[in-house]
Amino acid sequence: MMETRKSNGGSKLEIANIYLSFGAIAAISDMSFTVNPHEILAIIGPNGAGKTCVVNSISGFYHPQKGKIYFGGELISGLRPDLIAKRGIARTFQNIELYSGMTALENLMAARHIHMKTGVGAGAIFFGPAHREEIAHRRTVEEIIYFLELESVRDNIVGSLAYGQRKRVELGRALALEPKILLLDEPTAGMNLEEKEDICRFILDIKDLQNVSVVLIEHDMGIVMDIADRIVVMDFGKKIAEGSPEEIKTNPTVIQAYLGVKYQDAN
């Protein structure tokens, strides 16, 4: 029987005392935090702090040796990534992971497979229920293309797109899974200022208009302080602080470990 626990919100994510190690190297040590419905939680810290390992643990790519992860009160740690995605958790990757030989539209349609109900036989005939289902999924994807302003590149091969456009397609593919929680691993890395502003606008709209919670790994502190509701700070695999942006930017431990005196003086 699947383990459950009482949850105050249907899309609440709870990370409870997880440990993850690779041989003698501890990537995550006793990490605990929650992601509440309708919030943006940022995870920050120096390179190698364990931020991506946390996202990989939530999404099922890694399985922590200790601790538990609950989503909506249901234990999800130990599940396969596809089963976690079906429960409403989608992600993007630090390094873009798209089907580079397919179009932007085809990449988004590929993400709809977890919502498809017709069998192989009906899909092969492509008549009746299969045809209607294809139209419904196509309508959902077209809405995402419009939302992310991808109309001009919808039929372009992804491998030929500019870097910022590919990052936007990857965000769209995650949205095509219809997530309740979206895990974004450095979504603005390598972008210019205008592209970063666009991504920030999309993230805020995803939270406010689609009621999706967001876990954000980001090195740009200007972005973090502007859009995050709460921040978790990691260093050497451990959580060293948690709080609002105002609390984090004045936390002496965080300043010493990550932000630096210059950042404090600038604020």
Protein backbone atom coordinates (compact mmCIF):
# COMPACT_ATOMS: atom_id res chain seq x y z
CA MET A 1 0.00 0.00 0.00
CA MET A 2 1.25 3.46 -0.93
CA GLU A 3 2.33 5.40 2.17
CA THR A 4 0.49 8.67 2.75
CA ARG A 5 0.48 11.39 5.35
CA LYS A 6 -1.92 14.20 6.17
CA SER A 7 -1.35 17.19 3.90
CA ASN A 8 -2.73 20.71 4.20
CA GLY A 9 -2.68 21.22 0.43
CA GLY A 10 -3.21 18.95 -2.56
CA SER A 11 -0.02 20.18 -4.25
CA LYS A 12 2.19 20.58 -1.18
CA LEU A 13 5.67 19.10 -1.58
CA GLU A 14 7.49 17.95 1.55
CA ILE A 15 11.16 16.96 1.68
CA ALA A 16 11.89 15.25 4.98
CA ASN A 17 15.47 14.64 6.15
CA ILE A 18 16.84 13.25 2.90
CA TYR A 19 20.40 12.01 2.54
CA LEU A 20 22.08 11.31 -0.79
CA SER A 21 25.65 10.12 -1.20
CA PHE A 22 27.84 8.89 -4.01
CA GLY A 23 30.35 6.58 -2.41
CA ALA A 24 32.06 8.55 0.34
CA ILE A 25 30.79 11.88 -1.00
CA ALA A 26 27.67 13.26 0.70
CA ALA A 27 25.75 15.28 -1.90
CA ILE A 28 22.77 16.02 0.38
CA SER A 29 22.79 15.83 4.19
CA ASP A 30 19.59 15.95 6.28
CA MET A 31 17.74 18.24 3.88
CA SER A 32 14.20 19.27 4.81
CA PHE A 33 11.86 21.92 3.43
CA THR A 34 8.36 22.30 2.04
CA VAL A 35 6.94 23.86 -1.10
CA ASN A 36 3.49 25.26 -0.47
CA PRO A 37 0.76 25.61 -3.10
CA HIS A 38 1.00 28.77 -5.21
CA GLU A 39 4.52 29.88 -4.31
CA ILE A 40 7.96 30.25 -5.85
CA LEU A 41 10.65 28.65 -3.72
CA ALA A 42 14.23 29.40 -4.81
CA ILE A 43 17.16 27.14 -3.92
CA ILE A 44 20.48 28.96 -4.01
CA GLY A 45 24.07 28.21 -3.07
CA PRO A 46 27.59 27.94 -4.48
CA ASN A 47 28.43 25.56 -7.32
CA GLY A 48 28.52 22.02 -5.99
CA ALA A 49 26.25 22.80 -3.03
CA GLY A 50 23.83 20.01 -4.02
CA LYS A 51 20.99 22.06 -5.55
CA THR A 52 20.56 19.97 -8.69
CA CYS A 53 20.83 16.79 -6.60
CA VAL A 54 17.75 17.96 -4.68
CA VAL A 55 15.80 18.49 -7.91
CA ASN A 56 16.98 15.12 -9.22
CA SER A 57 15.78 13.49 -5.99
CA ILE A 58 12.36 15.14 -6.20
CA SER A 59 11.88 14.17 -9.84
CA GLY A 60 13.01 10.57 -9.32
CA PHE A 61 16.30 10.66 -11.21
CA TYR A 62 18.10 10.02 -7.91
CA HIS A 63 16.84 7.96 -4.99
CA PRO A 64 18.06 9.25 -1.60
CA GLN A 65 19.41 6.59 0.74
CA LYS A 66 17.56 8.12 3.72
CA GLY A 67 14.60 10.39 4.26
CA LYS A 68 11.29 10.72 2.44
CA ILE A 69 9.62 12.97 -0.12
CA TYR A 70 5.86 13.49 -0.10
CA PHE A 71 3.66 15.18 -2.67
CA GLY A 72 0.06 15.92 -1.74
CA GLY A 73 0.53 13.65 1.27
CA GLU A 74 1.67 10.67 -0.86
CA LEU A 75 5.14 9.18 -0.58
CA ILE A 76 6.90 9.60 -3.94
CA SER A 77 10.55 8.99 -3.08
CA GLY A 78 11.61 5.77 -4.79
CA LEU A 79 9.13 6.12 -7.67
CA ARG A 80 10.26 6.17 -11.29
CA PRO A 81 10.50 9.61 -12.95
CA ASP A 82 7.54 8.90 -15.26
CA LEU A 83 5.29 8.02 -12.31
CA ILE A 84 6.32 11.21 -10.52
CA ALA A 85 5.57 13.21 -13.68
CA LYS A 86 2.11 11.63 -13.86
CA ARG A 87 1.43 12.85 -10.33
CA GLY A 88 2.04 16.45 -11.41
CA ILE A 89 5.75 17.25 -11.04
CA ALA A 90 7.59 18.45 -14.17
CA ARG A 91 11.09 19.80 -14.63
CA THR A 92 13.56 21.49 -16.93
CA PHE A 93 17.26 20.71 -17.03
CA GLN A 94 20.41 22.72 -16.44
CA ASN A 95 21.68 21.43 -19.79
CA ILE A 96 18.93 21.54 -22.40
CA GLU A 97 17.42 18.07 -23.00
CA LEU A 98 15.26 18.33 -26.12
CA TYR A 99 14.73 16.20 -29.23
CA SER A 100 17.03 18.30 -31.37
CA GLY A 101 15.93 16.72 -34.66
CA MET A 102 12.25 17.48 -34.06
CA THR A 103 10.32 20.74 -34.32
CA ALA A 104 9.33 22.87 -31.35
CA LEU A 105 5.72 21.73 -31.84
CA GLU A 106 6.72 18.06 -31.95
CA ASN A 107 8.77 18.42 -28.76
CA LEU A 108 5.75 19.80 -26.92
CA MET A 109 3.45 17.11 -28.36
CA ALA A 110 5.88 14.42 -27.17
CA ALA A 111 5.32 15.58 -23.60
CA ARG A 112 1.59 14.91 -23.91
CA HIS A 113 2.12 11.13 -23.97
CA ILE A 114 1.40 10.74 -20.25
CA HIS A 115 -2.10 12.13 -20.84
CA MET A 116 -2.92 9.94 -23.85
CA LYS A 117 -5.58 7.30 -23.22
CA THR A 118 -6.13 5.57 -26.59
CA GLY A 119 -4.26 2.32 -27.16
CA VAL A 120 -1.70 1.44 -29.79
CA GLY A 121 -4.28 -0.08 -32.11
CA ALA A 122 -6.61 2.90 -32.04
CA GLY A 123 -3.67 5.25 -32.44
CA ALA A 124 -2.44 3.36 -35.50
CA ILE A 125 -5.86 3.58 -37.16
CA PHE A 126 -6.11 7.26 -36.11
CA PHE A 127 -9.88 7.35 -36.28
CA GLY A 128 -12.65 8.20 -33.85
CA PRO A 129 -11.37 8.50 -30.23
CA ALA A 130 -7.71 8.64 -31.28
CA HIS A 131 -8.38 11.46 -33.72
CA ARG A 132 -10.40 13.45 -31.17
CA GLU A 133 -7.70 12.94 -28.54
CA GLU A 134 -5.00 14.16 -30.95
CA ILE A 135 -7.01 17.33 -31.61
CA ALA A 136 -7.42 17.98 -27.87
CA HIS A 137 -3.70 17.53 -27.18
CA ARG A 138 -2.82 19.72 -30.15
CA ARG A 139 -5.09 22.45 -28.79
CA THR A 140 -3.30 22.33 -25.41
CA VAL A 141 0.11 22.56 -27.10
CA GLU A 142 -1.00 25.48 -29.28
CA GLU A 143 -2.06 27.34 -26.13
CA ILE A 144 1.42 26.83 -24.65
CA ILE A 145 3.05 28.02 -27.88
CA TYR A 146 0.94 31.17 -27.73
CA PHE A 147 1.63 31.67 -24.02
CA LEU A 148 5.42 31.39 -24.46
CA GLU A 149 5.37 33.46 -27.68
CA LEU A 150 6.83 30.63 -29.78
CA GLU A 151 4.57 31.07 -32.83
CA SER A 152 7.40 32.17 -35.12
CA VAL A 153 9.48 29.03 -34.41
CA ARG A 154 6.76 26.43 -33.83
CA ASP A 155 7.65 24.47 -36.99
CA ASN A 156 11.42 25.00 -36.80
CA ILE A 157 13.81 22.15 -35.97
CA VAL A 158 14.85 22.65 -32.35
CA GLY A 159 18.53 22.07 -33.12
CA SER A 160 18.50 25.14 -35.39
CA LEU A 161 17.03 27.49 -32.79
CA ALA A 162 18.92 30.09 -30.79
CA TYR A 163 19.86 29.09 -27.25
CA GLY A 164 17.24 31.29 -25.57
CA GLN A 165 14.50 29.91 -27.82
CA ARG A 166 15.50 26.34 -27.00
CA LYS A 167 15.30 27.14 -23.28
CA ARG A 168 11.80 28.46 -23.88
CA VAL A 169 10.81 25.29 -25.77
CA GLU A 170 12.06 23.21 -22.86
CA LEU A 171 9.91 25.25 -20.48
CA GLY A 172 6.98 24.66 -22.82
CA ARG A 173 7.58 20.92 -22.83
CA ALA A 174 7.45 20.89 -19.03
CA LEU A 175 4.19 22.86 -19.10
CA ALA A 176 2.73 20.35 -21.58
CA LEU A 177 2.80 17.80 -18.76
CA GLU A 178 0.24 20.00 -16.92
CA PRO A 179 2.26 20.13 -13.70
CA LYS A 180 1.15 21.19 -10.27
CA ILE A 181 4.80 21.82 -9.35
CA LEU A 182 7.45 22.95 -11.81
CA LEU A 183 11.15 22.35 -11.09
CA LEU A 184 13.36 24.83 -12.96
CA ASP A 185 17.10 24.17 -12.95
CA GLU A 186 18.86 27.44 -13.91
CA PRO A 187 16.24 28.52 -16.49
CA THR A 188 18.03 31.81 -17.31
CA ALA A 189 21.61 30.52 -17.52
CA GLY A 190 23.40 31.83 -20.60
CA MET A 191 20.68 34.33 -21.49
CA ASN A 192 20.94 38.04 -22.17
CA LEU A 193 19.03 40.59 -20.11
CA GLU A 194 15.98 40.72 -22.37
CA GLU A 195 15.67 36.93 -22.46
CA LYS A 196 15.98 36.76 -18.67
CA GLU A 197 13.21 39.33 -18.27
CA ASP A 198 10.96 37.27 -20.55
CA ILE A 199 11.58 34.06 -18.58
CA CYS A 200 10.88 35.84 -15.28
CA ARG A 201 7.59 37.13 -16.70
CA PHE A 202 6.64 33.63 -17.82
CA ILE A 203 7.50 32.14 -14.40
CA LEU A 204 5.35 34.70 -12.59
CA ASP A 205 2.47 34.11 -15.01
CA ILE A 206 2.78 30.34 -14.59
CA LYS A 207 2.43 30.78 -10.84
CA ASP A 208 -0.35 33.37 -10.89
CA LEU A 209 -2.41 32.41 -13.96
CA GLN A 210 -1.95 28.63 -13.95
CA ASN A 211 -1.69 28.20 -10.16
CA VAL A 212 1.53 26.18 -10.43
CA SER A 213 4.11 26.15 -7.65
CA VAL A 214 7.72 26.63 -8.76
CA VAL A 215 11.02 25.36 -7.36
CA LEU A 216 13.71 27.57 -8.87
CA ILE A 217 17.47 26.98 -8.93
CA GLU A 218 19.07 30.22 -10.01
CA HIS A 219 22.44 31.96 -9.67
CA ASP A 220 21.22 35.43 -10.64
CA MET A 221 20.47 36.95 -7.24
CA GLY A 222 18.61 39.86 -8.78
CA ILE A 223 16.08 37.43 -10.24
CA VAL A 224 15.85 35.40 -7.03
CA MET A 225 15.24 38.42 -4.83
CA ASP A 226 12.67 39.83 -7.27
CA ILE A 227 10.43 36.81 -7.88
CA ALA A 228 10.92 34.27 -5.07
CA ASP A 229 8.47 34.06 -2.18
CA ARG A 230 10.90 32.02 -0.06
CA ILE A 231 14.52 30.98 -0.39
CA VAL A 232 16.42 27.89 0.77
CA VAL A 233 20.20 28.31 0.90
CA MET A 234 22.52 25.30 0.57
CA ASP A 235 26.23 24.85 1.17
CA PHE A 236 28.15 21.55 1.02
CA GLY A 237 24.91 19.57 0.74
CA LYS A 238 23.27 21.12 3.79
CA LYS A 239 20.58 23.72 4.30
CA ILE A 240 22.17 26.69 6.06
CA ALA A 241 19.21 29.09 5.91
CA GLU A 242 15.60 29.45 4.87
CA GLY A 243 13.37 32.50 4.76
CA SER A 244 11.99 35.40 2.76
CA PRO A 245 14.24 37.32 0.35
CA GLU A 246 14.58 40.12 2.93
CA GLU A 247 15.62 37.66 5.61
CA ILE A 248 18.10 35.87 3.38
CA LYS A 249 19.87 38.96 2.07
CA THR A 250 20.66 40.08 5.64
CA ASN A 251 21.50 36.64 7.07
CA PRO A 252 25.15 36.69 8.26
CA THR A 253 25.68 32.97 7.56
CA VAL A 254 24.42 33.33 3.99
CA ILE A 255 26.48 36.45 3.37
CA GLN A 256 29.61 34.70 4.52
CA ALA A 257 28.97 31.46 2.62
CA TYR A 258 27.51 32.77 -0.62
CA LEU A 259 26.31 36.34 -1.13
CA GLY A 260 29.38 38.15 0.10
CA VAL A 261 29.84 41.52 1.82
CA LYS A 262 29.63 43.39 -1.48
CA TYR A 263 26.08 42.14 -2.06
CA GLN A 264 25.06 43.21 1.45
CA ASP A 265 26.55 46.67 0.92
CA ALA A 266 24.70 47.04 -2.38
CA ASN A 267 21.37 46.40 -0.64
